[in-house]
Amino acid sequence: MVEIQSQNEHHKFWANHLLPQFRRYIAEIGAYTSKQQDEHVKFFDSLLPHLGPRLPHPHTKAVLTVANMPLGFSVNLSDARKPIARMEIEPLDDTSGSAEDLFAANCIPACFTTLVKGMTTRVDTRWAHQLRQAFTPTSEESAIAKPRLRPGIERVSLAYFGITFDGDNRAMKYCTSHWPKFLGTATAESNDATSADAFLFSAIRRLKPGGEALAPSLDAIQHYFQNERHAKLPSPILFVGLDCIDPSRARIKMYGRTHSTAFSNVRNIMTLGGRALTAETTEFLARLRSIWHLLLNDPKAKDDEDYDRPPLDPNSLRTGLLVSFEVSALVSTPDIKVYVPFWQYHETDVQAINNLEQIFSLLGWDWGSGKYGDLLRKTFVGTDLAATQNHDYVSFNYSKRQGSYMTMYHVPPRPESTTA
């Protein structure tokens, strides 16, 4: 086991809380050798300075997770391969959210540098840096954008990073939002959802090299948005993520939110209003339909495709479903996924575990026999899972190549004390 040397009180604060949890998490997943675990833990430790000062932050809250933690874990299960651990991080520093750095832009370059240095696969950041340059507002634009944010939103993050741990390998994804730049530059007449989407799509089409190859999928999404004018539409797009690999292979995901959980609405979105219905999509929808009531924790959703499950917290901005539209130069139609905010439909981790283990058993995975519950119990030691909710989102997908695959996103409990 490697020994981690904390660099300062803030690093020590995060290390004491998160390092043991991350080590247990990747160990319990069961897909990594001891050497691989040690290497990933050392890399994880190198990221902790980018989480910002010890809690409470003097100026802002992390917006990556519903619990305002700047970091999350996730596990991906699949028919086709071993489980894969992932993590997501929102970089912050001690001035993030202050008057001098309203949208926490100043800390992003340093985090980029640490991440690129820690990857074991080839990294290509050309597209990422182009979007960062396009969407980072000036201080003047930030001052204009801040009061234009939707009521209840304190800050929109300009950067999330996702890291995948696949055996020895680590690969990274960059996420950003166009909203601060858009709100800081839009006129009163053009400050609307349609204009915001157009601003984003235009920036993606201009990416070099290869942005023009994304046109067929982008056209299909924009056509859907323009022809499906209803309140359930997952528009406007909220943020965008992309793989930091060669642009000829990179995926770009655009995330929006629909406030309806009715499966009829999911079908409409997944098929772009019926325009993108294929044999693969039909199989995907059939599999998703068979477990939808378990994802929503409501038997009413089993037989009624129009049933819209009420959220546990209707006042939250994170209601309904998160939807991603994935485009790449390799395909001419977008790949669409839905993400269920489990904390909105499961009061506790125990409820979530019970439903997910039923799903895993239906899918023929050995994670349905108590293994998944053990992952959380052994990771979050001392946490009463019958009284907590450490689940964030859960996604399900299907493809001919990978079969069924799911990702469960987890939020580490917030430190109970701000002492190191």
Protein backbone atom coordinates (compact mmCIF):
# COMPACT_ATOMS: atom_id res chain seq x y z
CA MET A 1 0.00 0.00 0.00
CA VAL A 2 1.38 3.41 -0.96
CA GLU A 3 1.89 6.16 1.60
CA ILE A 4 0.42 9.52 0.62
CA GLN A 5 2.12 12.67 1.86
CA SER A 6 -0.36 15.53 2.23
CA GLN A 7 1.02 18.90 1.14
CA ASN A 8 -1.02 21.37 3.23
CA GLU A 9 -4.05 21.57 5.51
CA HIS A 10 -6.51 21.69 2.60
CA HIS A 11 -4.93 18.70 0.88
CA LYS A 12 -4.91 16.87 4.21
CA PHE A 13 -8.60 17.71 4.76
CA TRP A 14 -9.60 16.11 1.45
CA ALA A 15 -7.09 13.25 1.71
CA ASN A 16 -8.29 12.18 5.15
CA HIS A 17 -11.86 12.04 3.92
CA LEU A 18 -11.60 10.81 0.33
CA LEU A 19 -8.46 8.71 -0.12
CA PRO A 20 -9.62 5.78 2.04
CA GLN A 21 -13.01 5.80 0.31
CA PHE A 22 -11.54 5.82 -3.18
CA ARG A 23 -9.12 3.02 -2.29
CA ARG A 24 -11.96 0.87 -0.94
CA TYR A 25 -14.16 1.72 -3.92
CA ILE A 26 -11.75 0.50 -6.60
CA ALA A 27 -10.77 -2.50 -4.46
CA GLU A 28 -14.39 -3.63 -4.03
CA ILE A 29 -15.13 -3.27 -7.74
CA GLY A 30 -12.76 -6.20 -8.16
CA ALA A 31 -11.30 -5.33 -11.55
CA TYR A 32 -7.87 -4.00 -10.55
CA THR A 33 -4.65 -5.59 -9.34
CA SER A 34 -2.99 -4.28 -6.19
CA LYS A 35 -0.40 -2.47 -8.30
CA GLN A 36 -3.10 -0.86 -10.45
CA GLN A 37 -4.97 0.24 -7.34
CA ASP A 38 -1.84 1.85 -5.91
CA GLU A 39 -1.12 3.74 -9.13
CA HIS A 40 -4.70 5.01 -9.39
CA VAL A 41 -4.69 6.08 -5.73
CA LYS A 42 -1.47 8.06 -6.25
CA PHE A 43 -3.04 9.77 -9.25
CA PHE A 44 -6.21 10.45 -7.25
CA ASP A 45 -4.13 12.08 -4.52
CA SER A 46 -2.53 14.40 -7.10
CA LEU A 47 -5.98 15.79 -7.90
CA LEU A 48 -6.99 16.67 -4.35
CA PRO A 49 -5.35 20.15 -4.35
CA HIS A 50 -7.73 21.04 -7.18
CA LEU A 51 -10.80 20.50 -4.97
CA GLY A 52 -10.14 23.84 -3.35
CA PRO A 53 -10.01 24.82 0.32
CA ARG A 54 -11.42 22.75 3.15
CA LEU A 55 -15.15 23.07 3.70
CA PRO A 56 -16.97 25.32 3.99
CA HIS A 57 -15.72 27.13 0.90
CA PRO A 58 -15.47 30.89 1.57
CA HIS A 59 -17.28 31.97 -1.61
CA THR A 60 -19.22 29.22 -3.35
CA LYS A 61 -20.48 25.65 -3.35
CA ALA A 62 -19.51 22.91 -5.77
CA VAL A 63 -22.27 22.37 -8.32
CA LEU A 64 -21.08 19.04 -9.71
CA THR A 65 -23.28 17.01 -7.36
CA VAL A 66 -26.58 17.52 -5.60
CA ALA A 67 -24.72 17.32 -2.26
CA ASN A 68 -22.37 20.14 -3.35
CA MET A 69 -19.33 17.87 -3.23
CA PRO A 70 -16.70 18.73 -5.87
CA LEU A 71 -16.02 15.06 -6.58
CA GLY A 72 -17.95 11.87 -7.27
CA PHE A 73 -17.28 8.21 -7.99
CA SER A 74 -19.03 5.97 -10.52
CA VAL A 75 -18.96 2.34 -11.60
CA ASN A 76 -19.83 1.12 -15.08
CA LEU A 77 -21.15 -2.43 -15.52
CA SER A 78 -21.53 -4.10 -18.89
CA ASP A 79 -22.36 -7.37 -20.60
CA ALA A 80 -19.15 -7.10 -22.61
CA ARG A 81 -16.31 -6.40 -20.17
CA LYS A 82 -15.10 -6.10 -16.61
CA PRO A 83 -16.47 -3.34 -14.38
CA ILE A 84 -14.82 0.05 -14.77
CA ALA A 85 -14.42 2.72 -12.10
CA ARG A 86 -14.68 6.38 -12.94
CA MET A 87 -14.55 9.65 -11.09
CA GLU A 88 -15.74 13.17 -11.74
CA ILE A 89 -14.13 16.33 -10.39
CA GLU A 90 -15.03 20.03 -10.36
CA PRO A 91 -11.89 22.16 -9.88
CA LEU A 92 -12.07 25.01 -7.39
CA ASP A 93 -9.62 27.24 -5.56
CA ASP A 94 -9.88 29.75 -2.73
CA THR A 95 -11.03 32.60 -5.02
CA SER A 96 -13.61 30.58 -6.99
CA GLY A 97 -16.99 32.27 -6.84
CA SER A 98 -15.57 35.52 -5.49
CA ALA A 99 -15.98 38.87 -7.21
CA GLU A 100 -12.66 38.38 -8.98
CA ASP A 101 -13.60 34.92 -10.35
CA LEU A 102 -17.39 34.62 -10.47
CA PHE A 103 -17.47 31.41 -12.53
CA ALA A 104 -14.32 29.72 -11.16
CA ALA A 105 -12.35 29.98 -14.39
CA ASN A 106 -8.92 30.73 -12.95
CA CYS A 107 -8.31 27.27 -11.48
CA ILE A 108 -9.05 25.33 -14.68
CA PRO A 109 -5.64 25.51 -16.46
CA ALA A 110 -3.75 24.06 -13.49
CA CYS A 111 -6.21 21.19 -13.17
CA PHE A 112 -5.92 20.53 -16.91
CA THR A 113 -2.14 20.27 -16.52
CA THR A 114 -2.34 17.80 -13.62
CA LEU A 115 -4.86 15.64 -15.44
CA VAL A 116 -2.98 15.49 -18.72
CA LYS A 117 0.21 14.61 -16.86
CA GLY A 118 -1.57 11.79 -15.04
CA MET A 119 -3.13 10.10 -18.05
CA THR A 120 -1.64 6.82 -19.31
CA THR A 121 -3.36 6.98 -22.69
CA ARG A 122 -2.63 9.50 -25.42
CA VAL A 123 -4.37 12.80 -24.73
CA ASP A 124 -5.57 15.27 -27.35
CA THR A 125 -6.91 18.53 -25.92
CA ARG A 126 -7.34 20.51 -29.13
CA TRP A 127 -11.13 20.43 -29.06
CA ALA A 128 -11.23 20.90 -25.29
CA HIS A 129 -9.09 24.03 -25.41
CA GLN A 130 -11.10 25.45 -28.31
CA LEU A 131 -14.33 25.10 -26.34
CA ARG A 132 -12.70 26.46 -23.19
CA GLN A 133 -11.53 29.50 -25.13
CA ALA A 134 -14.94 29.94 -26.76
CA PHE A 135 -16.92 29.65 -23.51
CA THR A 136 -14.76 31.40 -20.90
CA PRO A 137 -16.27 34.83 -20.26
CA THR A 138 -14.24 37.95 -19.61
CA SER A 139 -14.62 39.60 -16.22
CA GLU A 140 -16.99 42.13 -17.79
CA GLU A 141 -19.09 39.38 -19.40
CA SER A 142 -19.16 37.47 -16.10
CA ALA A 143 -20.56 40.52 -14.35
CA ILE A 144 -23.33 40.72 -16.97
CA ALA A 145 -24.04 36.98 -16.91
CA LYS A 146 -24.26 36.53 -13.14
CA PRO A 147 -27.57 38.37 -12.56
CA ARG A 148 -29.01 36.76 -15.70
CA LEU A 149 -28.72 33.26 -14.25
CA ARG A 150 -31.97 31.45 -13.61
CA PRO A 151 -33.35 32.09 -10.09
CA GLY A 152 -31.95 29.55 -7.67
CA ILE A 153 -28.69 29.09 -9.59
CA GLU A 154 -25.71 30.58 -7.77
CA ARG A 155 -23.08 29.61 -10.31
CA VAL A 156 -22.66 27.59 -13.50
CA SER A 157 -19.46 25.54 -13.65
CA LEU A 158 -17.06 26.15 -16.51
CA ALA A 159 -15.31 22.82 -16.00
CA TYR A 160 -15.94 19.29 -14.87
CA PHE A 161 -13.52 16.49 -15.63
CA GLY A 162 -14.25 12.79 -15.89
CA ILE A 163 -11.55 10.13 -15.51
CA THR A 164 -11.96 6.49 -16.53
CA PHE A 165 -9.85 3.79 -14.86
CA ASP A 166 -9.61 0.85 -17.25
CA GLY A 167 -7.04 -1.65 -16.00
CA ASP A 168 -3.69 0.18 -16.10
CA ASN A 169 -5.11 2.96 -18.23
CA ARG A 170 -6.54 6.34 -17.37
CA ALA A 171 -8.43 8.48 -19.90
CA MET A 172 -10.06 11.87 -19.43
CA LYS A 173 -13.16 13.78 -20.48
CA TYR A 174 -13.72 17.54 -20.27
CA CYS A 175 -17.11 19.12 -19.61
CA THR A 176 -18.00 22.79 -19.81
CA SER A 177 -20.97 25.09 -20.13
CA HIS A 178 -21.60 27.77 -22.71
CA TRP A 179 -24.12 29.60 -20.54
CA PRO A 180 -21.85 32.12 -18.76
CA LYS A 181 -20.37 33.26 -22.09
CA PHE A 182 -23.77 33.24 -23.80
CA LEU A 183 -25.48 35.22 -21.03
CA GLY A 184 -22.59 37.66 -20.90
CA THR A 185 -22.78 38.43 -24.62
CA ALA A 186 -26.44 37.95 -25.57
CA THR A 187 -28.70 40.91 -26.17
CA ALA A 188 -32.01 41.13 -24.35
CA GLU A 189 -33.76 40.13 -27.58
CA SER A 190 -31.65 36.99 -28.09
CA ASN A 191 -31.46 35.82 -24.47
CA ASP A 192 -33.58 32.68 -24.91
CA ALA A 193 -33.23 28.90 -25.07
CA THR A 194 -33.27 28.67 -28.86
CA SER A 195 -30.50 31.25 -29.18
CA ALA A 196 -28.45 29.53 -26.47
CA ASP A 197 -28.66 26.19 -28.28
CA ALA A 198 -27.69 27.84 -31.56
CA PHE A 199 -24.70 29.47 -29.85
CA LEU A 200 -23.51 26.06 -28.62
CA PHE A 201 -24.09 24.17 -31.86
CA SER A 202 -22.27 26.84 -33.83
CA ALA A 203 -19.21 26.52 -31.58
CA ILE A 204 -19.17 22.74 -32.00
CA ARG A 205 -19.46 22.97 -35.77
CA ARG A 206 -16.43 25.31 -35.83
CA LEU A 207 -14.13 22.86 -34.02
CA LYS A 208 -10.87 22.12 -35.83
CA PRO A 209 -10.01 19.63 -37.10
CA GLY A 210 -13.13 17.74 -38.05
CA GLY A 211 -16.04 19.72 -36.67
CA GLU A 212 -17.75 19.61 -40.03
CA ALA A 213 -17.95 15.79 -39.80
CA LEU A 214 -20.38 16.18 -36.89
CA ALA A 215 -22.94 17.98 -39.06
CA PRO A 216 -25.30 15.03 -39.79
CA SER A 217 -25.87 14.27 -36.10
CA LEU A 218 -26.04 17.93 -35.11
CA ASP A 219 -28.54 18.59 -37.88
CA ALA A 220 -30.73 15.73 -36.62
CA ILE A 221 -30.76 17.09 -33.07
CA GLN A 222 -31.49 20.66 -34.13
CA HIS A 223 -34.24 19.47 -36.45
CA TYR A 224 -35.81 17.59 -33.53
CA PHE A 225 -35.64 20.64 -31.28
CA GLN A 226 -37.18 22.85 -33.95
CA ASN A 227 -40.04 20.47 -34.74
CA GLU A 228 -40.92 19.18 -31.26
CA ARG A 229 -42.01 22.32 -29.47
CA HIS A 230 -43.38 21.11 -26.13
CA ALA A 231 -42.61 21.53 -22.44
CA LYS A 232 -41.04 18.06 -22.17
CA LEU A 233 -38.30 18.79 -24.68
CA PRO A 234 -34.76 18.43 -23.22
CA SER A 235 -33.82 21.90 -24.42
CA PRO A 236 -31.98 24.12 -23.82
CA ILE A 237 -28.72 22.22 -23.61
CA LEU A 238 -27.12 22.85 -20.21
CA PHE A 239 -23.53 21.71 -20.70
CA VAL A 240 -21.31 19.73 -23.04
CA GLY A 241 -18.64 17.06 -22.54
CA LEU A 242 -16.04 15.57 -24.85
CA ASP A 243 -13.37 12.88 -24.90
CA CYS A 244 -9.82 14.22 -24.84
CA ILE A 245 -8.66 11.95 -27.65
CA ASP A 246 -8.05 12.29 -31.39
CA PRO A 247 -10.97 14.32 -32.81
CA SER A 248 -11.60 11.68 -35.48
CA ARG A 249 -12.71 9.32 -32.69
CA ALA A 250 -13.85 11.72 -29.96
CA ARG A 251 -17.42 11.80 -28.72
CA ILE A 252 -19.16 15.04 -27.82
CA LYS A 253 -22.10 14.82 -25.45
CA MET A 254 -24.64 17.60 -25.04
CA TYR A 255 -26.72 17.41 -21.87
CA GLY A 256 -30.23 18.75 -21.42
CA ARG A 257 -33.04 18.11 -18.97
CA THR A 258 -36.60 16.94 -19.49
CA HIS A 259 -38.96 17.45 -16.58
CA SER A 260 -41.12 14.44 -17.46
CA THR A 261 -40.29 10.85 -16.47
CA ALA A 262 -43.12 9.32 -18.54
CA PHE A 263 -41.75 6.50 -20.67
CA SER A 264 -43.72 7.79 -23.65
CA ASN A 265 -41.62 10.94 -23.36
CA VAL A 266 -38.42 8.89 -23.08
CA ARG A 267 -39.35 7.03 -26.28
CA ASN A 268 -39.99 10.31 -28.08
CA ILE A 269 -36.59 11.67 -27.05
CA MET A 270 -34.66 8.47 -27.73
CA THR A 271 -36.03 8.27 -31.28
CA LEU A 272 -35.95 12.02 -31.99
CA GLY A 273 -39.70 12.07 -32.32
CA GLY A 274 -39.75 8.79 -34.27
CA ARG A 275 -37.23 9.97 -36.85
CA ALA A 276 -34.37 7.79 -35.56
CA LEU A 277 -36.06 4.46 -34.86
CA THR A 278 -33.77 1.52 -35.64
CA ALA A 279 -33.68 -2.16 -34.66
CA GLU A 280 -31.00 -1.35 -32.10
CA THR A 281 -33.04 1.51 -30.65
CA THR A 282 -36.11 -0.74 -30.50
CA GLU A 283 -34.17 -3.35 -28.51
CA PHE A 284 -32.75 -0.66 -26.24
CA LEU A 285 -36.20 0.74 -25.50
CA ALA A 286 -37.60 -2.73 -24.79
CA ARG A 287 -34.86 -3.43 -22.25
CA LEU A 288 -35.20 -0.01 -20.65
CA ARG A 289 -38.99 -0.35 -20.51
CA SER A 290 -38.69 -3.64 -18.58
CA ILE A 291 -36.77 -1.95 -15.74
CA TRP A 292 -38.22 1.56 -15.85
CA HIS A 293 -40.45 1.07 -12.79
CA LEU A 294 -37.40 -0.06 -10.80
CA LEU A 295 -35.34 2.94 -11.88
CA LEU A 296 -38.18 5.24 -10.80
CA ASN A 297 -38.98 3.19 -7.69
CA ASP A 298 -42.68 3.21 -8.55
CA PRO A 299 -44.81 0.23 -9.71
CA LYS A 300 -47.22 2.63 -11.44
CA ALA A 301 -44.58 3.15 -14.13
CA LYS A 302 -44.65 -0.57 -15.01
CA ASP A 303 -47.92 -0.55 -16.93
CA ASP A 304 -48.62 3.12 -17.65
CA GLU A 305 -46.26 4.65 -20.21
CA ASP A 306 -47.71 8.10 -19.58
CA TYR A 307 -47.19 7.97 -15.82
CA ASP A 308 -44.99 10.87 -14.70
CA ARG A 309 -43.35 10.05 -11.38
CA PRO A 310 -43.39 13.07 -9.03
CA PRO A 311 -39.95 13.97 -7.63
CA LEU A 312 -39.24 13.81 -3.92
CA ASP A 313 -37.96 17.40 -4.05
CA PRO A 314 -40.07 19.34 -6.57
CA ASN A 315 -38.30 22.59 -5.67
CA SER A 316 -34.95 21.30 -6.88
CA LEU A 317 -33.71 22.40 -10.29
CA ARG A 318 -32.66 18.77 -10.88
CA THR A 319 -36.06 17.21 -11.52
CA GLY A 320 -37.13 14.83 -14.27
CA LEU A 321 -34.32 13.23 -16.27
CA LEU A 322 -30.95 14.30 -17.61
CA VAL A 323 -30.55 13.51 -21.31
CA SER A 324 -27.34 13.34 -23.34
CA PHE A 325 -27.07 13.61 -27.12
CA GLU A 326 -23.78 12.06 -28.22
CA VAL A 327 -22.24 12.87 -31.60
CA SER A 328 -19.00 11.83 -33.27
CA ALA A 329 -17.46 11.64 -36.71
CA LEU A 330 -17.90 7.86 -36.63
CA VAL A 331 -21.71 7.87 -36.81
CA SER A 332 -24.32 9.90 -38.69
CA THR A 333 -27.03 9.77 -36.00
CA PRO A 334 -26.74 10.78 -32.35
CA ASP A 335 -26.55 8.25 -29.53
CA ILE A 336 -29.02 9.29 -26.83
CA LYS A 337 -28.96 8.35 -23.14
CA VAL A 338 -31.12 9.16 -20.13
CA TYR A 339 -29.83 9.62 -16.59
CA VAL A 340 -32.20 9.11 -13.67
CA PRO A 341 -31.54 11.27 -10.57
CA PHE A 342 -31.89 8.43 -8.07
CA TRP A 343 -32.07 10.69 -5.04
CA GLN A 344 -35.28 12.17 -6.48
CA TYR A 345 -37.01 8.77 -6.55
CA HIS A 346 -35.31 6.80 -3.75
CA GLU A 347 -35.34 8.14 -0.22
CA THR A 348 -32.37 6.05 0.94
CA ASP A 349 -29.41 4.10 -0.38
CA VAL A 350 -31.07 0.87 0.78
CA GLN A 351 -34.04 1.53 -1.51
CA ALA A 352 -31.67 2.26 -4.38
CA ILE A 353 -29.58 -0.84 -3.71
CA ASN A 354 -32.65 -3.09 -3.60
CA ASN A 355 -33.96 -1.85 -6.94
CA LEU A 356 -30.58 -1.87 -8.65
CA GLU A 357 -29.79 -5.39 -7.49
CA GLN A 358 -33.14 -6.52 -8.93
CA ILE A 359 -32.14 -4.92 -12.22
CA PHE A 360 -28.71 -6.55 -12.17
CA SER A 361 -30.31 -9.95 -11.58
CA LEU A 362 -32.68 -9.41 -14.51
CA LEU A 363 -29.65 -8.57 -16.65
CA GLY A 364 -27.85 -11.72 -15.52
CA TRP A 365 -25.06 -9.89 -13.66
CA ASP A 366 -23.58 -11.29 -10.44
CA TRP A 367 -23.86 -7.82 -8.93
CA GLY A 368 -27.49 -8.63 -8.11
CA SER A 369 -26.66 -11.04 -5.29
CA GLY A 370 -25.47 -8.52 -2.71
CA LYS A 371 -22.23 -7.48 -4.37
CA TYR A 372 -23.46 -4.00 -5.24
CA GLY A 373 -24.66 -3.31 -1.71
CA ASP A 374 -21.32 -4.50 -0.37
CA LEU A 375 -19.54 -2.00 -2.63
CA LEU A 376 -21.30 0.91 -0.93
CA ARG A 377 -21.20 -0.50 2.59
CA LYS A 378 -17.47 -1.17 2.40
CA THR A 379 -16.68 2.11 0.64
CA PHE A 380 -18.67 4.44 2.87
CA VAL A 381 -17.71 2.83 6.18
CA GLY A 382 -19.75 4.05 9.13
CA THR A 383 -22.57 5.35 6.95
CA ASP A 384 -26.10 4.12 7.70
CA LEU A 385 -27.33 3.34 4.19
CA ALA A 386 -30.88 3.06 5.52
CA ALA A 387 -30.76 6.76 6.39
CA THR A 388 -28.51 8.23 3.68
CA GLN A 389 -28.64 8.80 -0.05
CA ASN A 390 -25.23 8.67 -1.72
CA HIS A 391 -26.63 7.88 -5.17
CA ASP A 392 -26.63 10.70 -7.68
CA TYR A 393 -27.56 9.59 -11.22
CA VAL A 394 -28.01 6.14 -12.78
CA SER A 395 -27.95 5.54 -16.53
CA PHE A 396 -28.81 2.52 -18.68
CA ASN A 397 -27.87 1.92 -22.29
CA TYR A 398 -27.71 -0.84 -24.86
CA SER A 399 -25.80 -1.43 -28.07
CA LYS A 400 -25.17 -4.48 -30.23
CA ARG A 401 -21.46 -4.20 -29.47
CA GLN A 402 -21.63 -3.87 -25.68
CA GLY A 403 -25.03 -5.31 -24.83
CA SER A 404 -26.62 -3.77 -21.75
CA TYR A 405 -24.49 -1.40 -19.70
CA MET A 406 -25.19 0.84 -16.75
CA THR A 407 -23.39 3.53 -14.82
CA MET A 408 -24.10 4.27 -11.17
CA TYR A 409 -22.88 7.65 -9.90
CA HIS A 410 -22.09 8.02 -6.19
CA VAL A 411 -21.43 11.09 -4.06
CA PRO A 412 -19.09 10.62 -1.09
CA PRO A 413 -20.68 11.85 2.14
CA ARG A 414 -19.71 15.39 3.03
CA PRO A 415 -17.18 15.60 5.86
CA GLU A 416 -19.09 16.10 9.11
CA SER A 417 -16.38 18.35 10.49
CA THR A 418 -14.26 21.01 8.85
CA THR A 419 -11.27 20.09 10.99
CA ALA A 420 -8.43 18.23 9.32
